[in-house]
């Protein structure tokens, strides 16, 4: 992950969990979601103010639906925001996102614990 890009993101989006060294993550998927947002921002898909507003809206909706906002679900909101923005910007469709989510679920179900999950063509059937 580009340290400069991560520093710019944490400066622009004040809610990002961080310590003195930069963003912190509870699980590898959180870092991957963060890195995807950095890449899409660098490619001009959205600005950081646009991202921050969309993330704040996502968190408010989750809180209204009962999310206790303890910080444990922050990157779930981050991922939901990422999915919303890429669909809204025409980078992909909601249908494609659902198709891949279902394929990943299928691949995870057939993968033994502790093994890497790998998508195959059969996961999309």
Protein backbone atom coordinates (compact mmCIF):
# COMPACT_ATOMS: atom_id res chain seq x y z
CA UNK A 1 0.00 0.00 0.00
CA UNK A 2 1.31 3.44 -0.93
CA UNK A 3 2.12 5.18 2.37
CA UNK A 4 1.67 8.63 0.83
CA UNK A 5 -1.76 7.75 -0.54
CA UNK A 6 -2.76 6.26 2.82
CA UNK A 7 -1.61 9.42 4.61
CA UNK A 8 -3.62 11.61 2.22
CA UNK A 9 -6.69 9.43 2.75
CA UNK A 10 -6.43 9.54 6.55
CA UNK A 11 -6.00 13.29 6.35
CA UNK A 12 -9.04 13.71 4.09
CA UNK A 13 -11.31 11.19 5.84
CA UNK A 14 -11.06 11.87 9.55
CA UNK A 15 -13.03 8.79 10.65
CA UNK A 16 -10.44 6.26 9.43
CA UNK A 17 -9.18 4.18 12.38
CA UNK A 18 -5.50 4.99 12.83
CA UNK A 19 -2.56 5.07 15.15
CA UNK A 20 0.65 7.11 14.98
CA UNK A 21 1.84 5.02 12.01
CA UNK A 22 -1.31 5.36 9.90
CA UNK A 23 -4.48 3.35 9.27
CA UNK A 24 -5.13 0.26 11.39
CA UNK A 25 -7.12 -2.82 10.40
CA UNK A 26 -8.64 -5.72 12.33
CA UNK A 27 -8.46 -8.16 9.41
CA UNK A 28 -6.72 -8.44 6.04
CA UNK A 29 -9.96 -7.82 4.10
CA UNK A 30 -10.23 -4.38 5.74
CA UNK A 31 -6.80 -3.40 4.43
CA UNK A 32 -7.77 -4.72 1.01
CA UNK A 33 -10.99 -2.66 0.98
CA UNK A 34 -8.99 0.39 2.06
CA UNK A 35 -6.46 -0.21 -0.72
CA UNK A 36 -9.23 -0.58 -3.32
CA UNK A 37 -10.64 2.80 -2.29
CA UNK A 38 -7.17 4.37 -2.55
CA UNK A 39 -6.74 2.94 -6.04
CA UNK A 40 -10.16 4.09 -7.23
CA UNK A 41 -9.54 7.55 -5.80
CA UNK A 42 -6.14 7.71 -7.53
CA UNK A 43 -7.86 6.76 -10.79
CA UNK A 44 -10.31 9.64 -10.40
CA UNK A 45 -13.45 7.64 -9.68
CA UNK A 46 -14.28 9.86 -6.67
CA UNK A 47 -12.81 12.67 -4.59
CA UNK A 48 -12.07 12.31 -0.89
CA UNK A 49 -14.80 14.82 0.06
CA UNK A 50 -17.27 12.80 -2.05
CA UNK A 51 -16.07 9.59 -0.39
CA UNK A 52 -16.33 11.06 3.11
CA UNK A 53 -19.89 12.25 2.48
CA UNK A 54 -20.94 8.87 1.06
CA UNK A 55 -19.31 7.02 3.98
CA UNK A 56 -20.98 9.32 6.52
CA UNK A 57 -24.36 8.67 4.86
CA UNK A 58 -23.75 4.92 4.95
CA UNK A 59 -22.84 5.02 8.65
CA UNK A 60 -25.90 7.16 9.48
CA UNK A 61 -28.17 4.68 7.67
CA UNK A 62 -26.58 1.79 9.56
CA UNK A 63 -26.97 3.56 12.89
CA UNK A 64 -30.63 4.28 12.12
CA UNK A 65 -31.04 0.56 11.41
CA UNK A 66 -29.53 -0.35 14.80
CA UNK A 67 -25.75 -0.51 14.29
CA UNK A 68 -24.30 0.28 17.74
CA UNK A 69 -21.36 2.15 16.13
CA UNK A 70 -18.70 0.62 18.37
CA UNK A 71 -16.10 0.81 15.61
CA UNK A 72 -16.16 -2.90 14.87
CA UNK A 73 -18.31 -2.42 11.77
CA UNK A 74 -16.43 0.57 10.32
CA UNK A 75 -14.93 -1.31 7.38
CA UNK A 76 -18.22 -3.04 6.65
CA UNK A 77 -19.56 0.48 6.05
CA UNK A 78 -16.41 1.29 4.07
CA UNK A 79 -17.04 -1.71 1.80
CA UNK A 80 -20.74 -0.87 1.39
CA UNK A 81 -19.76 2.68 0.44
CA UNK A 82 -17.20 1.37 -2.03
CA UNK A 83 -19.80 -0.89 -3.65
CA UNK A 84 -22.35 1.94 -3.80
CA UNK A 85 -19.95 4.42 -5.38
CA UNK A 86 -18.54 2.09 -8.03
CA UNK A 87 -22.08 1.19 -9.10
CA UNK A 88 -23.24 4.83 -9.00
CA UNK A 89 -20.22 5.92 -11.06
CA UNK A 90 -20.76 3.19 -13.66
CA UNK A 91 -17.51 1.35 -12.89
CA UNK A 92 -19.61 -1.80 -12.48
CA UNK A 93 -23.23 -2.72 -11.91
CA UNK A 94 -25.03 -3.78 -8.79
CA UNK A 95 -25.83 -7.04 -10.55
CA UNK A 96 -22.15 -7.75 -11.19
CA UNK A 97 -21.31 -6.97 -7.56
CA UNK A 98 -23.99 -9.44 -6.40
CA UNK A 99 -22.78 -12.05 -8.88
CA UNK A 100 -19.23 -11.85 -7.53
CA UNK A 101 -20.40 -11.78 -3.90
CA UNK A 102 -22.40 -14.96 -4.52
CA UNK A 103 -19.42 -16.58 -6.26
CA UNK A 104 -17.13 -15.72 -3.33
CA UNK A 105 -19.69 -17.15 -0.90
CA UNK A 106 -19.82 -20.36 -2.93
CA UNK A 107 -16.02 -20.56 -3.10
CA UNK A 108 -15.72 -19.94 0.65
CA UNK A 109 -18.27 -22.68 1.39
CA UNK A 110 -16.26 -25.27 -0.54
CA UNK A 111 -12.84 -24.20 0.76
CA UNK A 112 -11.41 -26.00 3.82
CA UNK A 113 -10.70 -23.77 6.80
CA UNK A 114 -7.25 -22.22 6.65
CA UNK A 115 -6.88 -22.63 2.89
CA UNK A 116 -6.89 -19.72 0.44
CA UNK A 117 -10.20 -19.10 -1.29
CA UNK A 118 -9.92 -19.32 -5.07
CA UNK A 119 -12.69 -18.48 -7.51
CA UNK A 120 -13.38 -20.89 -10.34
CA UNK A 121 -15.86 -20.77 -13.18
CA UNK A 122 -18.10 -23.20 -11.26
CA UNK A 123 -18.48 -20.63 -8.46
CA UNK A 124 -20.46 -18.45 -10.86
CA UNK A 125 -22.99 -21.18 -11.76
